[in-house]
mmCIF file of all heavy atoms, coordinates in Angstrom:
data_MODEL
# 
_entry.id   MODEL 
# 
loop_
_atom_site.group_PDB 
_atom_site.id 
_atom_site.type_symbol 
_atom_site.label_atom_id 
_atom_site.label_alt_id 
_atom_site.label_comp_id 
_atom_site.label_asym_id 
_atom_site.label_entity_id 
_atom_site.label_seq_id 
_atom_site.pdbx_PDB_ins_code 
_atom_site.Cartn_x 
_atom_site.Cartn_y 
_atom_site.Cartn_z 
_atom_site.occupancy 
_atom_site.B_iso_or_equiv 
_atom_site.pdbx_formal_charge 
_atom_site.auth_seq_id 
_atom_site.auth_comp_id 
_atom_site.auth_asym_id 
_atom_site.auth_atom_id 
_atom_site.pdbx_PDB_model_num 
ATOM 1   N N   . LEU A 1 1  ? -10.265 -20.984 68.886 1.00 0.00 ? 1  LEU A N   1 
ATOM 2   C CA  . LEU A 1 1  ? -9.270  -20.577 69.849 1.00 0.00 ? 1  LEU A CA  1 
ATOM 3   C C   . LEU A 1 1  ? -7.986  -20.178 69.126 1.00 0.00 ? 1  LEU A C   1 
ATOM 4   O O   . LEU A 1 1  ? -7.255  -19.185 69.492 1.00 0.00 ? 1  LEU A O   1 
ATOM 5   C CB  . LEU A 1 1  ? -9.007  -21.719 70.848 1.00 0.00 ? 1  LEU A CB  1 
ATOM 6   C CG  . LEU A 1 1  ? -10.108 -22.060 71.767 1.00 0.00 ? 1  LEU A CG  1 
ATOM 7   C CD1 . LEU A 1 1  ? -9.734  -23.255 72.646 1.00 0.00 ? 1  LEU A CD1 1 
ATOM 8   C CD2 . LEU A 1 1  ? -10.495 -20.810 72.753 1.00 0.00 ? 1  LEU A CD2 1 
ATOM 9   N N   . ALA A 1 2  ? -7.674  -20.924 68.035 1.00 0.00 ? 2  ALA A N   1 
ATOM 10  C CA  . ALA A 1 2  ? -6.469  -20.679 67.253 1.00 0.00 ? 2  ALA A CA  1 
ATOM 11  C C   . ALA A 1 2  ? -6.698  -19.307 66.541 1.00 0.00 ? 2  ALA A C   1 
ATOM 12  O O   . ALA A 1 2  ? -5.657  -18.459 66.470 1.00 0.00 ? 2  ALA A O   1 
ATOM 13  C CB  . ALA A 1 2  ? -6.248  -21.670 66.355 1.00 0.00 ? 2  ALA A CB  1 
ATOM 14  N N   . GLU A 1 3  ? -7.893  -19.070 65.920 1.00 0.00 ? 3  GLU A N   1 
ATOM 15  C CA  . GLU A 1 3  ? -8.172  -17.792 65.327 1.00 0.00 ? 3  GLU A CA  1 
ATOM 16  C C   . GLU A 1 3  ? -8.071  -16.672 66.333 1.00 0.00 ? 3  GLU A C   1 
ATOM 17  O O   . GLU A 1 3  ? -7.502  -15.639 65.943 1.00 0.00 ? 3  GLU A O   1 
ATOM 18  C CB  . GLU A 1 3  ? -9.543  -17.847 64.671 1.00 0.00 ? 3  GLU A CB  1 
ATOM 19  C CG  . GLU A 1 3  ? -9.915  -16.640 63.886 1.00 0.00 ? 3  GLU A CG  1 
ATOM 20  C CD  . GLU A 1 3  ? -11.292 -16.688 63.341 1.00 0.00 ? 3  GLU A CD  1 
ATOM 21  O OE1 . GLU A 1 3  ? -12.004 -17.809 63.446 1.00 0.00 ? 3  GLU A OE1 1 
ATOM 22  O OE2 . GLU A 1 3  ? -11.688 -15.722 62.630 1.00 0.00 ? 3  GLU A OE2 1 
ATOM 23  N N   . ARG A 1 4  ? -8.635  -16.927 67.516 1.00 0.00 ? 4  ARG A N   1 
ATOM 24  C CA  . ARG A 1 4  ? -8.448  -15.755 68.596 1.00 0.00 ? 4  ARG A CA  1 
ATOM 25  C C   . ARG A 1 4  ? -7.139  -15.513 68.899 1.00 0.00 ? 4  ARG A C   1 
ATOM 26  O O   . ARG A 1 4  ? -6.629  -14.390 69.075 1.00 0.00 ? 4  ARG A O   1 
ATOM 27  C CB  . ARG A 1 4  ? -9.342  -16.204 69.732 1.00 0.00 ? 4  ARG A CB  1 
ATOM 28  C CG  . ARG A 1 4  ? -9.368  -15.106 70.754 1.00 0.00 ? 4  ARG A CG  1 
ATOM 29  C CD  . ARG A 1 4  ? -10.252 -15.515 71.969 1.00 0.00 ? 4  ARG A CD  1 
ATOM 30  N NE  . ARG A 1 4  ? -11.561 -15.990 71.748 1.00 0.00 ? 4  ARG A NE  1 
ATOM 31  C CZ  . ARG A 1 4  ? -12.413 -16.415 72.586 1.00 0.00 ? 4  ARG A CZ  1 
ATOM 32  N NH1 . ARG A 1 4  ? -12.113 -16.722 73.799 1.00 0.00 ? 4  ARG A NH1 1 
ATOM 33  N NH2 . ARG A 1 4  ? -13.657 -16.700 72.151 1.00 0.00 ? 4  ARG A NH2 1 
ATOM 34  N N   . MET A 1 5  ? -6.310  -16.584 69.043 1.00 0.00 ? 5  MET A N   1 
ATOM 35  C CA  . MET A 1 5  ? -4.859  -16.376 69.304 1.00 0.00 ? 5  MET A CA  1 
ATOM 36  C C   . MET A 1 5  ? -4.143  -15.704 68.304 1.00 0.00 ? 5  MET A C   1 
ATOM 37  O O   . MET A 1 5  ? -3.324  -14.882 68.507 1.00 0.00 ? 5  MET A O   1 
ATOM 38  C CB  . MET A 1 5  ? -4.298  -17.786 69.669 1.00 0.00 ? 5  MET A CB  1 
ATOM 39  C CG  . MET A 1 5  ? -2.861  -17.703 70.078 1.00 0.00 ? 5  MET A CG  1 
ATOM 40  S SD  . MET A 1 5  ? -2.549  -16.875 71.615 1.00 0.00 ? 5  MET A SD  1 
ATOM 41  C CE  . MET A 1 5  ? -3.337  -17.971 72.828 1.00 0.00 ? 5  MET A CE  1 
ATOM 42  N N   . ASN A 1 6  ? -4.496  -16.121 67.044 1.00 0.00 ? 6  ASN A N   1 
ATOM 43  C CA  . ASN A 1 6  ? -3.806  -15.366 65.924 1.00 0.00 ? 6  ASN A CA  1 
ATOM 44  C C   . ASN A 1 6  ? -4.126  -13.931 65.734 1.00 0.00 ? 6  ASN A C   1 
ATOM 45  O O   . ASN A 1 6  ? -3.186  -13.113 65.504 1.00 0.00 ? 6  ASN A O   1 
ATOM 46  C CB  . ASN A 1 6  ? -4.228  -16.102 64.554 1.00 0.00 ? 6  ASN A CB  1 
ATOM 47  C CG  . ASN A 1 6  ? -3.674  -17.464 64.438 1.00 0.00 ? 6  ASN A CG  1 
ATOM 48  O OD1 . ASN A 1 6  ? -2.600  -17.818 65.106 1.00 0.00 ? 6  ASN A OD1 1 
ATOM 49  N ND2 . ASN A 1 6  ? -4.362  -18.330 63.641 1.00 0.00 ? 6  ASN A ND2 1 
ATOM 50  N N   . LYS A 1 7  ? -5.356  -13.558 66.061 1.00 0.00 ? 7  LYS A N   1 
ATOM 51  C CA  . LYS A 1 7  ? -5.715  -12.106 66.124 1.00 0.00 ? 7  LYS A CA  1 
ATOM 52  C C   . LYS A 1 7  ? -4.939  -11.403 67.230 1.00 0.00 ? 7  LYS A C   1 
ATOM 53  O O   . LYS A 1 7  ? -4.403  -10.245 66.999 1.00 0.00 ? 7  LYS A O   1 
ATOM 54  C CB  . LYS A 1 7  ? -7.187  -12.050 66.333 1.00 0.00 ? 7  LYS A CB  1 
ATOM 55  C CG  . LYS A 1 7  ? -8.040  -12.370 65.069 1.00 0.00 ? 7  LYS A CG  1 
ATOM 56  C CD  . LYS A 1 7  ? -9.487  -12.279 65.372 1.00 0.00 ? 7  LYS A CD  1 
ATOM 57  C CE  . LYS A 1 7  ? -10.407 -12.513 64.163 1.00 0.00 ? 7  LYS A CE  1 
ATOM 58  N NZ  . LYS A 1 7  ? -11.741 -12.354 64.339 1.00 0.00 ? 7  LYS A NZ  1 
ATOM 59  N N   . THR A 1 8  ? -4.866  -12.053 68.321 1.00 0.00 ? 8  THR A N   1 
ATOM 60  C CA  . THR A 1 8  ? -4.030  -11.423 69.474 1.00 0.00 ? 8  THR A CA  1 
ATOM 61  C C   . THR A 1 8  ? -2.604  -11.225 69.105 1.00 0.00 ? 8  THR A C   1 
ATOM 62  O O   . THR A 1 8  ? -1.976  -10.153 69.325 1.00 0.00 ? 8  THR A O   1 
ATOM 63  C CB  . THR A 1 8  ? -4.317  -12.295 70.752 1.00 0.00 ? 8  THR A CB  1 
ATOM 64  O OG1 . THR A 1 8  ? -5.593  -12.475 71.088 1.00 0.00 ? 8  THR A OG1 1 
ATOM 65  C CG2 . THR A 1 8  ? -3.538  -11.594 71.878 1.00 0.00 ? 8  THR A CG2 1 
ATOM 66  N N   . MET A 1 9  ? -2.021  -12.189 68.508 1.00 0.00 ? 9  MET A N   1 
ATOM 67  C CA  . MET A 1 9  ? -0.677  -12.269 68.117 1.00 0.00 ? 9  MET A CA  1 
ATOM 68  C C   . MET A 1 9  ? -0.421  -11.161 67.038 1.00 0.00 ? 9  MET A C   1 
ATOM 69  O O   . MET A 1 9  ? 0.507   -10.495 67.041 1.00 0.00 ? 9  MET A O   1 
ATOM 70  C CB  . MET A 1 9  ? -0.128  -13.549 67.629 1.00 0.00 ? 9  MET A CB  1 
ATOM 71  C CG  . MET A 1 9  ? -0.050  -14.614 68.772 1.00 0.00 ? 9  MET A CG  1 
ATOM 72  S SD  . MET A 1 9  ? 0.940   -14.078 70.172 1.00 0.00 ? 9  MET A SD  1 
ATOM 73  C CE  . MET A 1 9  ? 2.414   -13.902 69.453 1.00 0.00 ? 9  MET A CE  1 
ATOM 74  N N   . TYR A 1 10 ? -1.423  -11.086 66.127 1.00 0.00 ? 10 TYR A N   1 
ATOM 75  C CA  . TYR A 1 10 ? -1.318  -10.075 65.098 1.00 0.00 ? 10 TYR A CA  1 
ATOM 76  C C   . TYR A 1 10 ? -1.342  -8.639  65.642 1.00 0.00 ? 10 TYR A C   1 
ATOM 77  O O   . TYR A 1 10 ? -0.494  -7.822  65.205 1.00 0.00 ? 10 TYR A O   1 
ATOM 78  C CB  . TYR A 1 10 ? -2.408  -10.340 64.080 1.00 0.00 ? 10 TYR A CB  1 
ATOM 79  C CG  . TYR A 1 10 ? -2.531  -9.347  62.985 1.00 0.00 ? 10 TYR A CG  1 
ATOM 80  C CD1 . TYR A 1 10 ? -1.719  -9.311  61.922 1.00 0.00 ? 10 TYR A CD1 1 
ATOM 81  C CD2 . TYR A 1 10 ? -3.490  -8.277  63.019 1.00 0.00 ? 10 TYR A CD2 1 
ATOM 82  C CE1 . TYR A 1 10 ? -1.816  -8.371  60.929 1.00 0.00 ? 10 TYR A CE1 1 
ATOM 83  C CE2 . TYR A 1 10 ? -3.697  -7.352  61.938 1.00 0.00 ? 10 TYR A CE2 1 
ATOM 84  C CZ  . TYR A 1 10 ? -2.765  -7.417  60.888 1.00 0.00 ? 10 TYR A CZ  1 
ATOM 85  O OH  . TYR A 1 10 ? -2.763  -6.527  59.931 1.00 0.00 ? 10 TYR A OH  1 
ATOM 86  N N   . VAL A 1 11 ? -2.232  -8.385  66.533 1.00 0.00 ? 11 VAL A N   1 
ATOM 87  C CA  . VAL A 1 11 ? -2.286  -6.960  67.126 1.00 0.00 ? 11 VAL A CA  1 
ATOM 88  C C   . VAL A 1 11 ? -0.875  -6.770  67.943 1.00 0.00 ? 11 VAL A C   1 
ATOM 89  O O   . VAL A 1 11 ? -0.387  -5.564  67.705 1.00 0.00 ? 11 VAL A O   1 
ATOM 90  C CB  . VAL A 1 11 ? -3.451  -6.911  68.109 1.00 0.00 ? 11 VAL A CB  1 
ATOM 91  C CG1 . VAL A 1 11 ? -3.435  -5.593  68.984 1.00 0.00 ? 11 VAL A CG1 1 
ATOM 92  C CG2 . VAL A 1 11 ? -4.783  -6.975  67.284 1.00 0.00 ? 11 VAL A CG2 1 
ATOM 93  N N   . LEU A 1 12 ? -0.482  -7.649  68.614 1.00 0.00 ? 12 LEU A N   1 
ATOM 94  C CA  . LEU A 1 12 ? 0.823   -7.467  69.319 1.00 0.00 ? 12 LEU A CA  1 
ATOM 95  C C   . LEU A 1 12 ? 2.015   -7.277  68.369 1.00 0.00 ? 12 LEU A C   1 
ATOM 96  O O   . LEU A 1 12 ? 2.847   -6.530  68.623 1.00 0.00 ? 12 LEU A O   1 
ATOM 97  C CB  . LEU A 1 12 ? 1.073   -8.697  70.237 1.00 0.00 ? 12 LEU A CB  1 
ATOM 98  C CG  . LEU A 1 12 ? 0.075   -8.891  71.432 1.00 0.00 ? 12 LEU A CG  1 
ATOM 99  C CD1 . LEU A 1 12 ? 0.478   -10.104 72.195 1.00 0.00 ? 12 LEU A CD1 1 
ATOM 100 C CD2 . LEU A 1 12 ? 0.198   -7.675  72.359 1.00 0.00 ? 12 LEU A CD2 1 
ATOM 101 N N   . SER A 1 13 ? 1.884   -7.898  67.279 1.00 0.00 ? 13 SER A N   1 
ATOM 102 C CA  . SER A 1 13 ? 2.950   -7.744  66.212 1.00 0.00 ? 13 SER A CA  1 
ATOM 103 C C   . SER A 1 13 ? 2.925   -6.357  65.658 1.00 0.00 ? 13 SER A C   1 
ATOM 104 O O   . SER A 1 13 ? 4.004   -5.749  65.450 1.00 0.00 ? 13 SER A O   1 
ATOM 105 C CB  . SER A 1 13 ? 2.750   -8.785  65.139 1.00 0.00 ? 13 SER A CB  1 
ATOM 106 O OG  . SER A 1 13 ? 2.931   -10.090 65.656 1.00 0.00 ? 13 SER A OG  1 
ATOM 107 N N   . ILE A 1 14 ? 1.750   -5.835  65.356 1.00 0.00 ? 14 ILE A N   1 
ATOM 108 C CA  . ILE A 1 14 ? 1.558   -4.545  64.745 1.00 0.00 ? 14 ILE A CA  1 
ATOM 109 C C   . ILE A 1 14 ? 2.080   -3.453  65.743 1.00 0.00 ? 14 ILE A C   1 
ATOM 110 O O   . ILE A 1 14 ? 2.805   -2.474  65.561 1.00 0.00 ? 14 ILE A O   1 
ATOM 111 C CB  . ILE A 1 14 ? 0.186   -4.246  64.442 1.00 0.00 ? 14 ILE A CB  1 
ATOM 112 C CG1 . ILE A 1 14 ? -0.304  -5.087  63.261 1.00 0.00 ? 14 ILE A CG1 1 
ATOM 113 C CG2 . ILE A 1 14 ? -0.066  -2.715  64.201 1.00 0.00 ? 14 ILE A CG2 1 
ATOM 114 C CD1 . ILE A 1 14 ? 0.457   -4.837  62.011 1.00 0.00 ? 14 ILE A CD1 1 
ATOM 115 N N   . VAL A 1 15 ? 1.679   -3.653  67.098 1.00 0.00 ? 15 VAL A N   1 
ATOM 116 C CA  . VAL A 1 15 ? 2.217   -2.728  68.134 1.00 0.00 ? 15 VAL A CA  1 
ATOM 117 C C   . VAL A 1 15 ? 3.624   -2.698  68.204 1.00 0.00 ? 15 VAL A C   1 
ATOM 118 O O   . VAL A 1 15 ? 4.353   -1.695  68.314 1.00 0.00 ? 15 VAL A O   1 
ATOM 119 C CB  . VAL A 1 15 ? 1.456   -3.120  69.433 1.00 0.00 ? 15 VAL A CB  1 
ATOM 120 C CG1 . VAL A 1 15 ? 2.050   -2.145  70.576 1.00 0.00 ? 15 VAL A CG1 1 
ATOM 121 C CG2 . VAL A 1 15 ? 0.027   -2.821  69.376 1.00 0.00 ? 15 VAL A CG2 1 
ATOM 122 N N   . ALA A 1 16 ? 4.216   -3.942  68.204 1.00 0.00 ? 16 ALA A N   1 
ATOM 123 C CA  . ALA A 1 16 ? 5.699   -4.007  68.312 1.00 0.00 ? 16 ALA A CA  1 
ATOM 124 C C   . ALA A 1 16 ? 6.339   -3.464  67.132 1.00 0.00 ? 16 ALA A C   1 
ATOM 125 O O   . ALA A 1 16 ? 7.392   -2.805  67.275 1.00 0.00 ? 16 ALA A O   1 
ATOM 126 C CB  . ALA A 1 16 ? 6.098   -5.513  68.393 1.00 0.00 ? 16 ALA A CB  1 
ATOM 127 N N   . ALA A 1 17 ? 5.715   -3.524  65.920 1.00 0.00 ? 17 ALA A N   1 
ATOM 128 C CA  . ALA A 1 17 ? 6.427   -2.963  64.722 1.00 0.00 ? 17 ALA A CA  1 
ATOM 129 C C   . ALA A 1 17 ? 6.366   -1.474  64.694 1.00 0.00 ? 17 ALA A C   1 
ATOM 130 O O   . ALA A 1 17 ? 7.247   -0.836  64.249 1.00 0.00 ? 17 ALA A O   1 
ATOM 131 C CB  . ALA A 1 17 ? 5.634   -3.541  63.443 1.00 0.00 ? 17 ALA A CB  1 
ATOM 132 N N   . ILE A 1 18 ? 5.292   -0.940  65.319 1.00 0.00 ? 18 ILE A N   1 
ATOM 133 C CA  . ILE A 1 18 ? 5.194   0.548   65.514 1.00 0.00 ? 18 ILE A CA  1 
ATOM 134 C C   . ILE A 1 18 ? 6.169   1.078   66.511 1.00 0.00 ? 18 ILE A C   1 
ATOM 135 O O   . ILE A 1 18 ? 6.854   2.133   66.174 1.00 0.00 ? 18 ILE A O   1 
ATOM 136 C CB  . ILE A 1 18 ? 3.665   1.006   65.794 1.00 0.00 ? 18 ILE A CB  1 
ATOM 137 C CG1 . ILE A 1 18 ? 2.922   0.666   64.594 1.00 0.00 ? 18 ILE A CG1 1 
ATOM 138 C CG2 . ILE A 1 18 ? 3.683   2.440   66.247 1.00 0.00 ? 18 ILE A CG2 1 
ATOM 139 C CD1 . ILE A 1 18 ? 1.353   0.967   64.956 1.00 0.00 ? 18 ILE A CD1 1 
ATOM 140 N N   . PHE A 1 19 ? 6.302   0.358   67.622 1.00 0.00 ? 19 PHE A N   1 
ATOM 141 C CA  . PHE A 1 19 ? 7.074   0.968   68.735 1.00 0.00 ? 19 PHE A CA  1 
ATOM 142 C C   . PHE A 1 19 ? 8.656   0.459   68.563 1.00 0.00 ? 19 PHE A C   1 
ATOM 143 O O   . PHE A 1 19 ? 9.531   1.042   69.288 1.00 0.00 ? 19 PHE A O   1 
ATOM 144 C CB  . PHE A 1 19 ? 6.587   0.458   70.041 1.00 0.00 ? 19 PHE A CB  1 
ATOM 145 C CG  . PHE A 1 19 ? 5.355   1.184   70.487 1.00 0.00 ? 19 PHE A CG  1 
ATOM 146 C CD1 . PHE A 1 19 ? 4.059   0.836   70.197 1.00 0.00 ? 19 PHE A CD1 1 
ATOM 147 C CD2 . PHE A 1 19 ? 5.610   2.376   71.235 1.00 0.00 ? 19 PHE A CD2 1 
ATOM 148 C CE1 . PHE A 1 19 ? 3.044   1.581   70.581 1.00 0.00 ? 19 PHE A CE1 1 
ATOM 149 C CE2 . PHE A 1 19 ? 4.470   3.166   71.654 1.00 0.00 ? 19 PHE A CE2 1 
ATOM 150 C CZ  . PHE A 1 19 ? 3.212   2.806   71.407 1.00 0.00 ? 19 PHE A CZ  1 
ATOM 151 N N   . LEU A 1 20 ? 8.884   -0.373  67.722 1.00 0.00 ? 20 LEU A N   1 
ATOM 152 C CA  . LEU A 1 20 ? 10.362  -0.801  67.482 1.00 0.00 ? 20 LEU A CA  1 
ATOM 153 C C   . LEU A 1 20 ? 11.263  0.459   67.114 1.00 0.00 ? 20 LEU A C   1 
ATOM 154 O O   . LEU A 1 20 ? 12.231  0.636   67.698 1.00 0.00 ? 20 LEU A O   1 
ATOM 155 C CB  . LEU A 1 20 ? 10.524  -1.878  66.498 1.00 0.00 ? 20 LEU A CB  1 
ATOM 156 C CG  . LEU A 1 20 ? 11.821  -2.519  66.221 1.00 0.00 ? 20 LEU A CG  1 
ATOM 157 C CD1 . LEU A 1 20 ? 12.438  -2.989  67.701 1.00 0.00 ? 20 LEU A CD1 1 
ATOM 158 C CD2 . LEU A 1 20 ? 11.833  -3.554  65.251 1.00 0.00 ? 20 LEU A CD2 1 
ATOM 159 N N   . PRO A 1 21 ? 10.851  1.133   65.989 1.00 0.00 ? 21 PRO A N   1 
ATOM 160 C CA  . PRO A 1 21 ? 11.783  2.309   65.651 1.00 0.00 ? 21 PRO A CA  1 
ATOM 161 C C   . PRO A 1 21 ? 11.765  3.459   66.709 1.00 0.00 ? 21 PRO A C   1 
ATOM 162 O O   . PRO A 1 21 ? 12.644  4.100   66.987 1.00 0.00 ? 21 PRO A O   1 
ATOM 163 C CB  . PRO A 1 21 ? 11.124  2.814   64.411 1.00 0.00 ? 21 PRO A CB  1 
ATOM 164 C CG  . PRO A 1 21 ? 9.728   2.246   64.268 1.00 0.00 ? 21 PRO A CG  1 
ATOM 165 C CD  . PRO A 1 21 ? 9.753   0.895   65.052 1.00 0.00 ? 21 PRO A CD  1 
ATOM 166 N N   . LEU A 1 22 ? 10.532  3.509   67.326 1.00 0.00 ? 22 LEU A N   1 
ATOM 167 C CA  . LEU A 1 22 ? 10.518  4.533   68.450 1.00 0.00 ? 22 LEU A CA  1 
ATOM 168 C C   . LEU A 1 22 ? 11.349  4.163   69.545 1.00 0.00 ? 22 LEU A C   1 
ATOM 169 O O   . LEU A 1 22 ? 12.101  5.051   70.176 1.00 0.00 ? 22 LEU A O   1 
ATOM 170 C CB  . LEU A 1 22 ? 8.995   4.673   68.897 1.00 0.00 ? 22 LEU A CB  1 
ATOM 171 C CG  . LEU A 1 22 ? 7.915   5.002   67.800 1.00 0.00 ? 22 LEU A CG  1 
ATOM 172 C CD1 . LEU A 1 22 ? 6.582   5.290   68.498 1.00 0.00 ? 22 LEU A CD1 1 
ATOM 173 C CD2 . LEU A 1 22 ? 8.410   6.280   67.029 1.00 0.00 ? 22 LEU A CD2 1 
ATOM 174 N N   . GLY A 1 23 ? 11.416  2.991   69.939 1.00 0.00 ? 23 GLY A N   1 
ATOM 175 C CA  . GLY A 1 23 ? 12.277  2.489   70.992 1.00 0.00 ? 23 GLY A CA  1 
ATOM 176 C C   . GLY A 1 23 ? 13.778  2.645   70.609 1.00 0.00 ? 23 GLY A C   1 
ATOM 177 O O   . GLY A 1 23 ? 14.569  3.029   71.472 1.00 0.00 ? 23 GLY A O   1 
ATOM 178 N N   . LEU A 1 24 ? 14.059  2.451   69.351 1.00 0.00 ? 24 LEU A N   1 
ATOM 179 C CA  . LEU A 1 24 ? 15.409  2.673   68.878 1.00 0.00 ? 24 LEU A CA  1 
ATOM 180 C C   . LEU A 1 24 ? 15.845  4.187   69.007 1.00 0.00 ? 24 LEU A C   1 
ATOM 181 O O   . LEU A 1 24 ? 16.932  4.424   69.454 1.00 0.00 ? 24 LEU A O   1 
ATOM 182 C CB  . LEU A 1 24 ? 15.623  2.279   67.356 1.00 0.00 ? 24 LEU A CB  1 
ATOM 183 C CG  . LEU A 1 24 ? 16.975  2.570   66.724 1.00 0.00 ? 24 LEU A CG  1 
ATOM 184 C CD1 . LEU A 1 24 ? 18.023  1.720   67.384 1.00 0.00 ? 24 LEU A CD1 1 
ATOM 185 C CD2 . LEU A 1 24 ? 16.846  2.196   65.189 1.00 0.00 ? 24 LEU A CD2 1 
ATOM 186 N N   . ILE A 1 25 ? 15.018  5.004   68.665 1.00 0.00 ? 25 ILE A N   1 
ATOM 187 C CA  . ILE A 1 25 ? 15.292  6.500   68.706 1.00 0.00 ? 25 ILE A CA  1 
ATOM 188 C C   . ILE A 1 25 ? 15.428  6.887   70.229 1.00 0.00 ? 25 ILE A C   1 
ATOM 189 O O   . ILE A 1 25 ? 16.386  7.526   70.539 1.00 0.00 ? 25 ILE A O   1 
ATOM 190 C CB  . ILE A 1 25 ? 14.238  7.326   68.108 1.00 0.00 ? 25 ILE A CB  1 
ATOM 191 C CG1 . ILE A 1 25 ? 14.168  6.969   66.573 1.00 0.00 ? 25 ILE A CG1 1 
ATOM 192 C CG2 . ILE A 1 25 ? 14.308  8.842   68.322 1.00 0.00 ? 25 ILE A CG2 1 
ATOM 193 C CD1 . ILE A 1 25 ? 13.002  7.681   65.873 1.00 0.00 ? 25 ILE A CD1 1 
ATOM 194 N N   . THR A 1 26 ? 14.532  6.486   71.091 1.00 0.00 ? 26 THR A N   1 
ATOM 195 C CA  . THR A 1 26 ? 14.610  6.908   72.510 1.00 0.00 ? 26 THR A CA  1 
ATOM 196 C C   . THR A 1 26 ? 15.858  6.252   73.092 1.00 0.00 ? 26 THR A C   1 
ATOM 197 O O   . THR A 1 26 ? 16.479  6.839   73.982 1.00 0.00 ? 26 THR A O   1 
ATOM 198 C CB  . THR A 1 26 ? 13.357  6.436   73.263 1.00 0.00 ? 26 THR A CB  1 
ATOM 199 O OG1 . THR A 1 26 ? 13.112  5.086   72.999 1.00 0.00 ? 26 THR A OG1 1 
ATOM 200 C CG2 . THR A 1 26 ? 12.174  7.233   72.686 1.00 0.00 ? 26 THR A CG2 1 
ATOM 201 N N   . GLY A 1 27 ? 16.147  5.071   72.588 1.00 0.00 ? 27 GLY A N   1 
ATOM 202 C CA  . GLY A 1 27 ? 17.375  4.443   73.113 1.00 0.00 ? 27 GLY A CA  1 
ATOM 203 C C   . GLY A 1 27 ? 18.625  5.223   72.722 1.00 0.00 ? 27 GLY A C   1 
ATOM 204 O O   . GLY A 1 27 ? 19.613  5.340   73.575 1.00 0.00 ? 27 GLY A O   1 
ATOM 205 N N   . LEU A 1 28 ? 18.724  5.661   71.596 1.00 0.00 ? 28 LEU A N   1 
ATOM 206 C CA  . LEU A 1 28 ? 19.886  6.500   71.101 1.00 0.00 ? 28 LEU A CA  1 
ATOM 207 C C   . LEU A 1 28 ? 19.951  7.841   71.836 1.00 0.00 ? 28 LEU A C   1 
ATOM 208 O O   . LEU A 1 28 ? 20.965  8.172   72.271 1.00 0.00 ? 28 LEU A O   1 
ATOM 209 C CB  . LEU A 1 28 ? 19.754  6.732   69.545 1.00 0.00 ? 28 LEU A CB  1 
ATOM 210 C CG  . LEU A 1 28 ? 20.036  5.603   68.713 1.00 0.00 ? 28 LEU A CG  1 
ATOM 211 C CD1 . LEU A 1 28 ? 19.776  5.986   67.293 1.00 0.00 ? 28 LEU A CD1 1 
ATOM 212 C CD2 . LEU A 1 28 ? 21.463  5.063   68.807 1.00 0.00 ? 28 LEU A CD2 1 
# 
């Protein structure tokens, strides 16, 4: 269960890392 949760959090972190600069640009 911990491994499954870590994988889920890892995917969410990657998605957030990709969309963070995009969100900054669209916000500006």
